[in-house]
């Protein structure tokens, strides 16, 4: 099982999301919301190929995709989400020892605009790159090759013409 923390590092480490790949082949991207336990927002990509978002116990955007196993070909985005400066405020501070890996995003790379910087979670066949926003600048990327398909986490900045205007 793989359990990856996606976290922002300023003077401390703040948890944004987790990516879990179960031994059965299911992939979950979770956004911890301990202040409202019934919420539990997450994206699931199941070993069966079912892919959906879930919030307050309701599945949304249910679709069938390629099974995330050794026969997987190409690339498939599991989810992407915007993150801006200050989004770590109020987040829990994770114990890195609880995770198999921590994908750390330096707070200095976050932009104040919502949302100029994004996290992408993709599945790819070996040696294939994920499809990212055209012209985006990759600020950090990590590939996890311990299971098939590979899992790629990318932190990127959108081209300026696609970013919201700065608050004056």
Protein backbone atom coordinates (compact mmCIF):
# COMPACT_ATOMS: atom_id res chain seq x y z
CA UNK A 1 0.00 0.00 0.00
CA UNK A 2 1.15 3.50 -0.83
CA UNK A 3 0.15 6.44 1.37
CA UNK A 4 1.45 9.80 0.11
CA UNK A 5 0.95 13.14 1.84
CA UNK A 6 0.63 16.23 -0.34
CA UNK A 7 1.78 19.00 1.96
CA UNK A 8 2.84 22.63 2.01
CA UNK A 9 6.08 23.47 3.78
CA UNK A 10 6.59 26.89 5.30
CA UNK A 11 8.11 26.94 8.79
CA UNK A 12 5.97 23.85 9.46
CA UNK A 13 4.44 21.13 7.31
CA UNK A 14 0.70 21.35 6.50
CA UNK A 15 -1.37 18.57 4.98
CA UNK A 16 -3.38 19.44 1.85
CA UNK A 17 -4.40 15.98 0.65
CA UNK A 18 -3.41 12.35 0.70
CA UNK A 19 -3.03 9.86 -2.13
CA UNK A 20 -3.60 6.25 -1.17
CA UNK A 21 -3.06 3.27 -3.46
CA UNK A 22 -4.46 0.15 -1.82
CA UNK A 23 -3.02 -3.32 -2.29
CA UNK A 24 -6.22 -4.13 -4.24
CA UNK A 25 -5.33 -1.41 -6.78
CA UNK A 26 -7.81 1.30 -5.75
CA UNK A 27 -6.51 4.88 -5.76
CA UNK A 28 -7.98 7.55 -3.48
CA UNK A 29 -7.18 11.25 -3.26
CA UNK A 30 -8.53 12.52 0.07
CA UNK A 31 -8.93 16.06 1.41
CA UNK A 32 -8.92 15.81 5.23
CA UNK A 33 -11.80 17.69 6.81
CA UNK A 34 -11.61 16.65 10.45
CA UNK A 35 -13.76 19.62 11.51
CA UNK A 36 -16.72 18.07 9.62
CA UNK A 37 -16.36 14.25 9.76
CA UNK A 38 -19.42 13.57 7.57
CA UNK A 39 -17.90 15.49 4.66
CA UNK A 40 -14.95 13.23 3.64
CA UNK A 41 -14.41 14.66 0.11
CA UNK A 42 -12.34 12.42 -2.12
CA UNK A 43 -11.72 11.19 -5.63
CA UNK A 44 -11.68 7.44 -6.24
CA UNK A 45 -10.21 5.47 -9.12
CA UNK A 46 -11.13 1.87 -8.39
CA UNK A 47 -9.43 -1.33 -9.54
CA UNK A 48 -12.61 -2.00 -11.57
CA UNK A 49 -11.98 1.19 -13.58
CA UNK A 50 -14.80 3.16 -11.92
CA UNK A 51 -13.71 6.76 -11.39
CA UNK A 52 -15.70 9.34 -9.42
CA UNK A 53 -15.69 12.20 -6.92
CA UNK A 54 -17.47 11.86 -3.61
CA UNK A 55 -18.68 14.41 -1.07
CA UNK A 56 -21.07 13.97 1.87
CA UNK A 57 -21.48 10.32 0.85
CA UNK A 58 -22.73 11.15 -2.67
CA UNK A 59 -20.77 9.98 -5.72
CA UNK A 60 -20.58 12.50 -8.56
CA UNK A 61 -19.23 12.27 -12.09
CA UNK A 62 -19.24 8.46 -12.12
CA UNK A 63 -17.51 7.11 -15.21
CA UNK A 64 -15.78 3.97 -16.38
CA UNK A 65 -12.11 4.16 -17.36
CA UNK A 66 -9.22 1.77 -17.95
CA UNK A 67 -8.42 -0.51 -15.03
CA UNK A 68 -5.37 0.75 -13.11
CA UNK A 69 -3.41 -2.47 -13.48
CA UNK A 70 -0.51 -3.86 -15.55
CA UNK A 71 -2.63 -3.61 -18.75
CA UNK A 72 -3.06 0.18 -18.32
CA UNK A 73 -1.93 2.22 -21.34
CA UNK A 74 -1.36 5.91 -21.87
CA UNK A 75 -2.21 8.46 -19.22
CA UNK A 76 -5.28 9.30 -17.15
CA UNK A 77 -5.77 12.20 -14.80
CA UNK A 78 -7.20 11.11 -11.48
CA UNK A 79 -7.80 14.69 -10.30
CA UNK A 80 -6.34 18.18 -10.33
CA UNK A 81 -6.94 20.93 -7.81
CA UNK A 82 -5.89 24.52 -7.35
CA UNK A 83 -3.87 25.63 -4.36
CA UNK A 84 -2.94 29.19 -3.38
CA UNK A 85 -0.83 30.93 -0.79
CA UNK A 86 -2.46 30.63 2.61
CA UNK A 87 -4.42 27.47 1.80
CA UNK A 88 -2.41 25.62 4.43
CA UNK A 89 -3.84 27.78 7.22
CA UNK A 90 -6.06 25.67 9.43
CA UNK A 91 -4.73 22.42 7.97
CA UNK A 92 -3.43 19.68 10.19
CA UNK A 93 0.27 19.16 10.65
CA UNK A 94 0.99 15.61 9.58
CA UNK A 95 3.55 13.27 11.04
CA UNK A 96 5.66 12.35 7.98
CA UNK A 97 6.31 8.93 9.52
CA UNK A 98 2.61 8.07 8.91
CA UNK A 99 3.21 8.18 5.14
CA UNK A 100 5.29 6.19 2.70
CA UNK A 101 6.21 9.50 1.03
CA UNK A 102 5.60 13.23 1.38
CA UNK A 103 5.19 15.41 -1.72
CA UNK A 104 6.29 18.74 -0.23
CA UNK A 105 5.33 21.99 -1.90
CA UNK A 106 7.40 24.95 -0.69
CA UNK A 107 5.05 27.75 0.42
CA UNK A 108 7.32 30.20 -1.42
CA UNK A 109 6.17 28.68 -4.75
CA UNK A 110 2.47 29.29 -4.08
CA UNK A 111 0.84 32.25 -5.78
CA UNK A 112 -1.75 34.36 -3.96
CA UNK A 113 -4.23 34.18 -6.84
CA UNK A 114 -6.88 31.48 -6.70
CA UNK A 115 -5.80 29.59 -8.65
CA UNK A 116 -2.58 30.03 -10.53
CA UNK A 117 -0.85 26.99 -9.07
CA UNK A 118 -2.26 23.47 -9.27
CA UNK A 119 -1.60 19.91 -8.14
CA UNK A 120 -2.20 17.16 -10.71
CA UNK A 121 -2.51 13.47 -9.80
CA UNK A 122 -2.09 11.22 -12.85
CA UNK A 123 -1.74 7.56 -13.70
CA UNK A 124 0.67 6.76 -16.53
CA UNK A 125 2.08 3.70 -18.20
CA UNK A 126 5.85 3.39 -17.65
CA UNK A 127 7.96 6.08 -19.32
CA UNK A 128 4.93 8.10 -20.47
CA UNK A 129 4.43 11.68 -19.29
CA UNK A 130 1.08 12.91 -18.01
CA UNK A 131 -0.93 15.38 -20.07
CA UNK A 132 -0.61 18.74 -18.34
CA UNK A 133 -2.13 22.16 -18.99
CA UNK A 134 -0.54 23.50 -22.22
CA UNK A 135 2.27 25.93 -21.46
CA UNK A 136 2.21 25.27 -17.71
CA UNK A 137 5.49 25.53 -15.83
CA UNK A 138 6.23 22.37 -13.85
CA UNK A 139 7.50 23.54 -10.46
CA UNK A 140 7.82 20.07 -8.93
CA UNK A 141 7.06 16.55 -10.10
CA UNK A 142 7.47 13.11 -8.56
CA UNK A 143 6.86 9.73 -10.18
CA UNK A 144 6.03 6.71 -8.03
CA UNK A 145 7.03 3.50 -9.83
CA UNK A 146 6.34 0.85 -7.20
CA UNK A 147 3.12 -0.37 -8.89
CA UNK A 148 1.48 -0.32 -12.31
CA UNK A 149 0.39 2.07 -13.61
CA UNK A 150 2.87 4.60 -12.32
CA UNK A 151 1.54 7.48 -10.24
CA UNK A 152 2.74 11.02 -11.04
CA UNK A 153 2.22 14.03 -8.80
CA UNK A 154 2.85 17.41 -10.40
CA UNK A 155 2.80 20.89 -8.94
CA UNK A 156 2.55 23.47 -11.72
CA UNK A 157 1.88 27.10 -12.50
CA UNK A 158 -0.54 28.05 -15.25
CA UNK A 159 0.56 30.43 -18.01
CA UNK A 160 -0.08 34.04 -16.96
CA UNK A 161 -2.88 34.57 -19.51
CA UNK A 162 -4.94 31.86 -17.79
CA UNK A 163 -4.40 33.16 -14.25
CA UNK A 164 -6.93 35.35 -12.48
CA UNK A 165 -5.92 38.99 -12.07
CA UNK A 166 -4.08 39.88 -8.89
CA UNK A 167 -6.12 41.52 -6.16
CA UNK A 168 -5.20 45.16 -5.86
